[in-house]
Amino acid sequence: LQQKAEADGNRRFADRAEVKLADPFNLTNP
């Protein structure tokens, strides 16, 4: 499944921090 998905342009990162969103897990001011 991974082979097909990544052939379709999907990217996988081992750590959520690698996505580098500003502050996505903040529960009062995300």
PDB file of all heavy atoms in Angstrom:
ATOM      1  N   LEU A   1       0.838  -1.197   0.000  1.00  0.00           N
ATOM      2  CA  LEU A   1       0.000   0.000   0.000  1.00  0.00           C
ATOM      3  C   LEU A   1       0.878   1.254   0.000  1.00  0.00           C
ATOM      4  O   LEU A   1       0.604   2.224  -0.726  1.00  0.00           O
ATOM      5  CB  LEU A   1      -0.923   0.007   1.217  1.00  0.00           C
ATOM      6  CG  LEU A   1      -1.797   1.251   1.399  1.00  0.00           C
ATOM      7  CD1 LEU A   1      -2.699   1.480   0.193  1.00  0.00           C
ATOM      8  CD2 LEU A   1      -2.616   1.165   2.683  1.00  0.00           C
ATOM      9  N   GLN A   2       1.942   1.222   0.777  1.00  0.00           N
ATOM     10  CA  GLN A   2       2.863   2.360   0.830  1.00  0.00           C
ATOM     11  C   GLN A   2       3.478   2.636  -0.538  1.00  0.00           C
ATOM     12  O   GLN A   2       3.608   3.792  -0.955  1.00  0.00           O
ATOM     13  CB  GLN A   2       3.958   2.091   1.855  1.00  0.00           C
ATOM     14  CG  GLN A   2       4.999   3.193   1.925  1.00  0.00           C
ATOM     15  CD  GLN A   2       6.073   2.891   2.953  1.00  0.00           C
ATOM     16  OE1 GLN A   2       5.805   2.285   3.994  1.00  0.00           O
ATOM     17  NE2 GLN A   2       7.301   3.311   2.669  1.00  0.00           N
ATOM     18  N   GLN A   3       3.845   1.590  -1.249  1.00  0.00           N
ATOM     19  CA  GLN A   3       4.451   1.775  -2.570  1.00  0.00           C
ATOM     20  C   GLN A   3       3.508   2.516  -3.512  1.00  0.00           C
ATOM     21  O   GLN A   3       3.916   3.438  -4.220  1.00  0.00           O
ATOM     22  CB  GLN A   3       4.834   0.413  -3.154  1.00  0.00           C
ATOM     23  CG  GLN A   3       6.008  -0.257  -2.478  1.00  0.00           C
ATOM     24  CD  GLN A   3       6.277  -1.649  -3.014  1.00  0.00           C
ATOM     25  OE1 GLN A   3       5.852  -1.992  -4.139  1.00  0.00           O
ATOM     26  NE2 GLN A   3       6.950  -2.472  -2.236  1.00  0.00           N
ATOM     27  N   LYS A   4       2.251   2.107  -3.532  1.00  0.00           N
ATOM     28  CA  LYS A   4       1.299   2.798  -4.410  1.00  0.00           C
ATOM     29  C   LYS A   4       1.074   4.227  -3.942  1.00  0.00           C
ATOM     30  O   LYS A   4       1.067   5.167  -4.751  1.00  0.00           O
ATOM     31  CB  LYS A   4      -0.039   2.063  -4.477  1.00  0.00           C
ATOM     32  CG  LYS A   4      -1.098   2.897  -5.238  1.00  0.00           C
ATOM     33  CD  LYS A   4      -2.350   2.167  -5.536  1.00  0.00           C
ATOM     34  CE  LYS A   4      -3.419   3.099  -6.114  1.00  0.00           C
ATOM     35  NZ  LYS A   4      -2.960   3.954  -7.231  1.00  0.00           N
ATOM     36  N   ALA A   5       0.884   4.412  -2.629  1.00  0.00           N
ATOM     37  CA  ALA A   5       0.599   5.741  -2.107  1.00  0.00           C
ATOM     38  C   ALA A   5       1.744   6.706  -2.389  1.00  0.00           C
ATOM     39  O   ALA A   5       1.522   7.859  -2.790  1.00  0.00           O
ATOM     40  CB  ALA A   5       0.319   5.668  -0.608  1.00  0.00           C
ATOM     41  N   GLU A   6       2.966   6.262  -2.213  1.00  0.00           N
ATOM     42  CA  GLU A   6       4.089   7.166  -2.414  1.00  0.00           C
ATOM     43  C   GLU A   6       4.371   7.386  -3.900  1.00  0.00           C
ATOM     44  O   GLU A   6       4.905   8.437  -4.289  1.00  0.00           O
ATOM     45  CB  GLU A   6       5.291   6.679  -1.631  1.00  0.00           C
ATOM     46  CG  GLU A   6       4.975   6.711  -0.134  1.00  0.00           C
ATOM     47  CD  GLU A   6       6.149   6.425   0.789  1.00  0.00           C
ATOM     48  OE1 GLU A   6       7.251   6.117   0.289  1.00  0.00           O
ATOM     49  OE2 GLU A   6       5.955   6.514   2.025  1.00  0.00           O
ATOM     50  N   ALA A   7       3.947   6.454  -4.740  1.00  0.00           N
ATOM     51  CA  ALA A   7       3.992   6.698  -6.190  1.00  0.00           C
ATOM     52  C   ALA A   7       2.981   7.769  -6.596  1.00  0.00           C
ATOM     53  O   ALA A   7       3.139   8.420  -7.641  1.00  0.00           O
ATOM     54  CB  ALA A   7       3.724   5.403  -6.944  1.00  0.00           C
ATOM     55  N   ASP A   8       1.952   7.973  -5.758  1.00  0.00           N
ATOM     56  CA  ASP A   8       0.931   8.990  -6.006  1.00  0.00           C
ATOM     57  C   ASP A   8       1.270  10.333  -5.358  1.00  0.00           C
ATOM     58  O   ASP A   8       0.397  11.200  -5.224  1.00  0.00           O
ATOM     59  CB  ASP A   8      -0.434   8.510  -5.494  1.00  0.00           C
ATOM     60  CG  ASP A   8      -1.039   7.421  -6.372  1.00  0.00           C
ATOM     61  OD1 ASP A   8      -0.655   7.334  -7.554  1.00  0.00           O
ATOM     62  OD2 ASP A   8      -1.892   6.669  -5.865  1.00  0.00           O
ATOM     63  N   GLY A   9       2.521  10.507  -4.945  1.00  0.00           N
ATOM     64  CA  GLY A   9       2.968  11.799  -4.445  1.00  0.00           C
ATOM     65  C   GLY A   9       2.812  12.027  -2.967  1.00  0.00           C
ATOM     66  O   GLY A   9       3.014  13.147  -2.486  1.00  0.00           O
ATOM     67  N   ASN A  10       2.468  10.979  -2.211  1.00  0.00           N
ATOM     68  CA  ASN A  10       2.342  11.134  -0.764  1.00  0.00           C
ATOM     69  C   ASN A  10       3.714  11.032  -0.099  1.00  0.00           C
ATOM     70  O   ASN A  10       4.578  10.275  -0.540  1.00  0.00           O
ATOM     71  CB  ASN A  10       1.395  10.065  -0.207  1.00  0.00           C
ATOM     72  CG  ASN A  10      -0.003  10.206  -0.772  1.00  0.00           C
ATOM     73  OD1 ASN A  10      -0.724  11.131  -0.450  1.00  0.00           O
ATOM     74  ND2 ASN A  10      -0.391   9.285  -1.665  1.00  0.00           N
ATOM     75  N   ARG A  11       3.903  11.824   0.967  1.00  0.00           N
ATOM     76  CA  ARG A  11       5.190  11.857   1.669  1.00  0.00           C
ATOM     77  C   ARG A  11       4.996  11.425   3.120  1.00  0.00           C
ATOM     78  O   ARG A  11       4.006  11.790   3.756  1.00  0.00           O
ATOM     79  CB  ARG A  11       5.787  13.269   1.631  1.00  0.00           C
ATOM     80  CG  ARG A  11       6.249  13.689   0.244  1.00  0.00           C
ATOM     81  CD  ARG A  11       6.704  15.144   0.244  1.00  0.00           C
ATOM     82  NE  ARG A  11       5.577  16.078   0.190  1.00  0.00           N
ATOM     83  CZ  ARG A  11       5.698  17.401   0.379  1.00  0.00           C
ATOM     84  NH1 ARG A  11       6.890  17.926   0.671  1.00  0.00           N
ATOM     85  NH2 ARG A  11       4.642  18.187   0.291  1.00  0.00           N
ATOM     86  N   ARG A  12       5.961  10.701   3.632  1.00  0.00           N
ATOM     87  CA  ARG A  12       5.886  10.160   4.987  1.00  0.00           C
ATOM     88  C   ARG A  12       7.053  10.704   5.808  1.00  0.00           C
ATOM     89  O   ARG A  12       8.199  10.742   5.345  1.00  0.00           O
ATOM     90  CB  ARG A  12       5.938   8.633   4.914  1.00  0.00           C
ATOM     91  CG  ARG A  12       6.036   7.906   6.232  1.00  0.00           C
ATOM     92  CD  ARG A  12       5.950   6.399   5.993  1.00  0.00           C
ATOM     93  NE  ARG A  12       6.845   5.961   4.942  1.00  0.00           N
ATOM     94  CZ  ARG A  12       8.062   5.476   5.147  1.00  0.00           C
ATOM     95  NH1 ARG A  12       8.539   5.377   6.386  1.00  0.00           N
ATOM     96  NH2 ARG A  12       8.810   5.065   4.143  1.00  0.00           N
ATOM     97  N   PHE A  13       6.735  11.134   7.052  1.00  0.00           N
ATOM     98  CA  PHE A  13       7.757  11.609   7.975  1.00  0.00           C
ATOM     99  C   PHE A  13       7.656  10.812   9.272  1.00  0.00           C
ATOM    100  O   PHE A  13       6.563  10.530   9.753  1.00  0.00           O
ATOM    101  CB  PHE A  13       7.599  13.099   8.265  1.00  0.00           C
ATOM    102  CG  PHE A  13       7.880  13.967   7.069  1.00  0.00           C
ATOM    103  CD1 PHE A  13       6.856  14.319   6.199  1.00  0.00           C
ATOM    104  CD2 PHE A  13       9.164  14.416   6.798  1.00  0.00           C
ATOM    105  CE1 PHE A  13       7.105  15.110   5.086  1.00  0.00           C
ATOM    106  CE2 PHE A  13       9.430  15.206   5.686  1.00  0.00           C
ATOM    107  CZ  PHE A  13       8.404  15.559   4.828  1.00  0.00           C
ATOM    108  N   ALA A  14       8.802  10.475   9.834  1.00  0.00           N
ATOM    109  CA  ALA A  14       8.826   9.646  11.034  1.00  0.00           C
ATOM    110  C   ALA A  14       8.372  10.406  12.268  1.00  0.00           C
ATOM    111  O   ALA A  14       7.825   9.820  13.209  1.00  0.00           O
ATOM    112  CB  ALA A  14      10.227   9.085  11.248  1.00  0.00           C
ATOM    113  N   ASP A  15       8.583  11.719  12.298  1.00  0.00           N
ATOM    114  CA  ASP A  15       8.274  12.528  13.473  1.00  0.00           C
ATOM    115  C   ASP A  15       7.348  13.665  13.073  1.00  0.00           C
ATOM    116  O   ASP A  15       7.612  14.365  12.091  1.00  0.00           O
ATOM    117  CB  ASP A  15       9.573  13.085  14.071  1.00  0.00           C
ATOM    118  CG  ASP A  15       9.358  13.694  15.454  1.00  0.00           C
ATOM    119  OD1 ASP A  15       8.367  14.439  15.627  1.00  0.00           O
ATOM    120  OD2 ASP A  15      10.182  13.428  16.350  1.00  0.00           O
ATOM    121  N   ARG A  16       6.303  13.867  13.857  1.00  0.00           N
ATOM    122  CA  ARG A  16       5.337  14.916  13.537  1.00  0.00           C
ATOM    123  C   ARG A  16       5.979  16.300  13.508  1.00  0.00           C
ATOM    124  O   ARG A  16       5.513  17.202  12.804  1.00  0.00           O
ATOM    125  CB  ARG A  16       4.183  14.898  14.532  1.00  0.00           C
ATOM    126  CG  ARG A  16       4.611  15.150  15.963  1.00  0.00           C
ATOM    127  CD  ARG A  16       3.456  14.945  16.946  1.00  0.00           C
ATOM    128  NE  ARG A  16       3.886  15.236  18.313  1.00  0.00           N
ATOM    129  CZ  ARG A  16       4.459  14.355  19.111  1.00  0.00           C
ATOM    130  NH1 ARG A  16       4.680  13.116  18.680  1.00  0.00           N
ATOM    131  NH2 ARG A  16       4.814  14.690  20.341  1.00  0.00           N
ATOM    132  N   ALA A  17       7.071  16.488  14.286  1.00  0.00           N
ATOM    133  CA  ALA A  17       7.730  17.793  14.328  1.00  0.00           C
ATOM    134  C   ALA A  17       8.356  18.155  12.983  1.00  0.00           C
ATOM    135  O   ALA A  17       8.560  19.340  12.683  1.00  0.00           O
ATOM    136  CB  ALA A  17       8.794  17.807  15.419  1.00  0.00           C
ATOM    137  N   GLU A  18       8.626  17.160  12.161  1.00  0.00           N
ATOM    138  CA  GLU A  18       9.254  17.413  10.859  1.00  0.00           C
ATOM    139  C   GLU A  18       8.314  18.149   9.902  1.00  0.00           C
ATOM    140  O   GLU A  18       8.763  18.741   8.921  1.00  0.00           O
ATOM    141  CB  GLU A  18       9.705  16.100  10.231  1.00  0.00           C
ATOM    142  CG  GLU A  18      10.821  15.392  10.975  1.00  0.00           C
ATOM    143  CD  GLU A  18      11.231  14.113  10.273  1.00  0.00           C
ATOM    144  OE1 GLU A  18      11.780  14.191   9.149  1.00  0.00           O
ATOM    145  OE2 GLU A  18      10.978  13.024  10.827  1.00  0.00           O
ATOM    146  N   VAL A  19       7.033  18.135  10.184  1.00  0.00           N
ATOM    147  CA  VAL A  19       6.085  18.849   9.326  1.00  0.00           C
ATOM    148  C   VAL A  19       6.206  20.356   9.529  1.00  0.00           C
ATOM    149  O   VAL A  19       5.872  21.145   8.637  1.00  0.00           O
ATOM    150  CB  VAL A  19       4.647  18.363   9.587  1.00  0.00           C
ATOM    151  CG1 VAL A  19       3.661  19.019   8.633  1.00  0.00           C
ATOM    152  CG2 VAL A  19       4.570  16.839   9.440  1.00  0.00           C
ATOM    153  N   LYS A  20       6.667  20.776  10.704  1.00  0.00           N
ATOM    154  CA  LYS A  20       6.979  22.174  10.991  1.00  0.00           C
ATOM    155  C   LYS A  20       5.763  23.098  10.858  1.00  0.00           C
ATOM    156  O   LYS A  20       5.810  24.117  10.175  1.00  0.00           O
ATOM    157  CB  LYS A  20       8.117  22.673  10.098  1.00  0.00           C
ATOM    158  CG  LYS A  20       9.442  21.944  10.325  1.00  0.00           C
ATOM    159  CD  LYS A  20      10.554  22.523   9.452  1.00  0.00           C
ATOM    160  CE  LYS A  20      11.863  21.802   9.710  1.00  0.00           C
ATOM    161  NZ  LYS A  20      12.959  22.326   8.854  1.00  0.00           N
ATOM    162  N   LEU A  21       4.684  22.723  11.528  1.00  0.00           N
ATOM    163  CA  LEU A  21       3.604  23.684  11.716  1.00  0.00           C
ATOM    164  C   LEU A  21       3.937  24.546  12.932  1.00  0.00           C
ATOM    165  O   LEU A  21       4.674  24.128  13.829  1.00  0.00           O
ATOM    166  CB  LEU A  21       2.271  22.974  11.909  1.00  0.00           C
ATOM    167  CG  LEU A  21       1.809  22.050  10.772  1.00  0.00           C
ATOM    168  CD1 LEU A  21       0.382  21.592  11.020  1.00  0.00           C
ATOM    169  CD2 LEU A  21       1.934  22.713   9.415  1.00  0.00           C
ATOM    170  N   ALA A  22       3.372  25.747  12.995  1.00  0.00           N
ATOM    171  CA  ALA A  22       3.784  26.718  14.012  1.00  0.00           C
ATOM    172  C   ALA A  22       3.525  26.218  15.432  1.00  0.00           C
ATOM    173  O   ALA A  22       4.435  26.159  16.257  1.00  0.00           O
ATOM    174  CB  ALA A  22       3.088  28.051  13.769  1.00  0.00           C
ATOM    175  N   ASP A  23       2.277  25.855  15.760  1.00  0.00           N
ATOM    176  CA  ASP A  23       1.937  25.388  17.111  1.00  0.00           C
ATOM    177  C   ASP A  23       0.628  24.609  17.046  1.00  0.00           C
ATOM    178  O   ASP A  23      -0.389  25.011  17.613  1.00  0.00           O
ATOM    179  CB  ASP A  23       1.802  26.582  18.066  1.00  0.00           C
ATOM    180  CG  ASP A  23       1.788  26.183  19.539  1.00  0.00           C
ATOM    181  OD1 ASP A  23       2.026  24.988  19.830  1.00  0.00           O
ATOM    182  OD2 ASP A  23       1.534  27.063  20.386  1.00  0.00           O
ATOM    183  N   PRO A  24       0.621  23.452  16.363  1.00  0.00           N
ATOM    184  CA  PRO A  24      -0.655  22.795  16.053  1.00  0.00           C
ATOM    185  C   PRO A  24      -1.301  22.062  17.212  1.00  0.00           C
ATOM    186  O   PRO A  24      -2.496  21.771  17.155  1.00  0.00           O
ATOM    187  CB  PRO A  24      -0.257  21.807  14.952  1.00  0.00           C
ATOM    188  CG  PRO A  24       1.176  21.477  15.260  1.00  0.00           C
ATOM    189  CD  PRO A  24       1.767  22.762  15.771  1.00  0.00           C
ATOM    190  N   PHE A  25      -0.547  21.741  18.285  1.00  0.00           N
ATOM    191  CA  PHE A  25      -1.115  20.958  19.381  1.00  0.00           C
ATOM    192  C   PHE A  25      -1.562  21.818  20.558  1.00  0.00           C
ATOM    193  O   PHE A  25      -1.980  21.290  21.579  1.00  0.00           O
ATOM    194  CB  PHE A  25      -0.091  19.923  19.857  1.00  0.00           C
ATOM    195  CG  PHE A  25       0.262  18.913  18.805  1.00  0.00           C
ATOM    196  CD1 PHE A  25       1.428  19.044  18.061  1.00  0.00           C
ATOM    197  CD2 PHE A  25      -0.571  17.837  18.542  1.00  0.00           C
ATOM    198  CE1 PHE A  25       1.758  18.114  17.095  1.00  0.00           C
ATOM    199  CE2 PHE A  25      -0.251  16.903  17.574  1.00  0.00           C
ATOM    200  CZ  PHE A  25       0.910  17.040  16.843  1.00  0.00           C
ATOM    201  N   ASN A  26      -1.502  23.108  20.421  1.00  0.00           N
ATOM    202  CA  ASN A  26      -1.930  24.028  21.481  1.00  0.00           C
ATOM    203  C   ASN A  26      -3.457  23.979  21.594  1.00  0.00           C
ATOM    204  O   ASN A  26      -4.172  24.286  20.632  1.00  0.00           O
ATOM    205  CB  ASN A  26      -1.455  25.441  21.147  1.00  0.00           C
ATOM    206  CG  ASN A  26      -1.669  26.420  22.269  1.00  0.00           C
ATOM    207  OD1 ASN A  26      -2.697  26.417  22.925  1.00  0.00           O
ATOM    208  ND2 ASN A  26      -0.685  27.281  22.485  1.00  0.00           N
ATOM    209  N   LEU A  27      -3.963  23.626  22.772  1.00  0.00           N
ATOM    210  CA  LEU A  27      -5.400  23.392  22.919  1.00  0.00           C
ATOM    211  C   LEU A  27      -6.209  24.645  23.249  1.00  0.00           C
ATOM    212  O   LEU A  27      -7.433  24.582  23.318  1.00  0.00           O
ATOM    213  CB  LEU A  27      -5.650  22.328  23.996  1.00  0.00           C
ATOM    214  CG  LEU A  27      -5.220  20.904  23.623  1.00  0.00           C
ATOM    215  CD1 LEU A  27      -5.378  19.974  24.811  1.00  0.00           C
ATOM    216  CD2 LEU A  27      -6.002  20.389  22.428  1.00  0.00           C
ATOM    217  N   THR A  28      -5.554  25.768  23.456  1.00  0.00           N
ATOM    218  CA  THR A  28      -6.296  27.008  23.700  1.00  0.00           C
ATOM    219  C   THR A  28      -5.998  28.081  22.664  1.00  0.00           C
ATOM    220  O   THR A  28      -6.797  29.004  22.491  1.00  0.00           O
ATOM    221  CB  THR A  28      -5.987  27.577  25.094  1.00  0.00           C
ATOM    222  OG1 THR A  28      -4.578  27.798  25.222  1.00  0.00           O
ATOM    223  CG2 THR A  28      -6.453  26.617  26.182  1.00  0.00           C
ATOM    224  N   ASN A  29      -4.879  27.947  21.956  1.00  0.00           N
ATOM    225  CA  ASN A  29      -4.531  28.947  20.940  1.00  0.00           C
ATOM    226  C   ASN A  29      -3.678  28.307  19.843  1.00  0.00           C
ATOM    227  O   ASN A  29      -2.523  28.676  19.637  1.00  0.00           O
ATOM    228  CB  ASN A  29      -3.781  30.112  21.581  1.00  0.00           C
ATOM    229  CG  ASN A  29      -3.587  31.267  20.616  1.00  0.00           C
ATOM    230  OD1 ASN A  29      -4.384  31.478  19.706  1.00  0.00           O
ATOM    231  ND2 ASN A  29      -2.511  32.018  20.807  1.00  0.00           N
ATOM    232  N   PRO A  30      -4.234  27.334  19.141  1.00  0.00           N
ATOM    233  CA  PRO A  30      -3.423  26.617  18.146  1.00  0.00           C
ATOM    234  C   PRO A  30      -3.072  27.497  16.958  1.00  0.00           C
ATOM    235  O   PRO A  30      -3.812  28.413  16.595  1.00  0.00           O
ATOM    236  CB  PRO A  30      -4.337  25.459  17.722  1.00  0.00           C
ATOM    237  CG  PRO A  30      -5.719  25.975  17.961  1.00  0.00           C
ATOM    238  CD  PRO A  30      -5.624  26.848  19.180  1.00  0.00           C
TER     239      PRO A  30
END
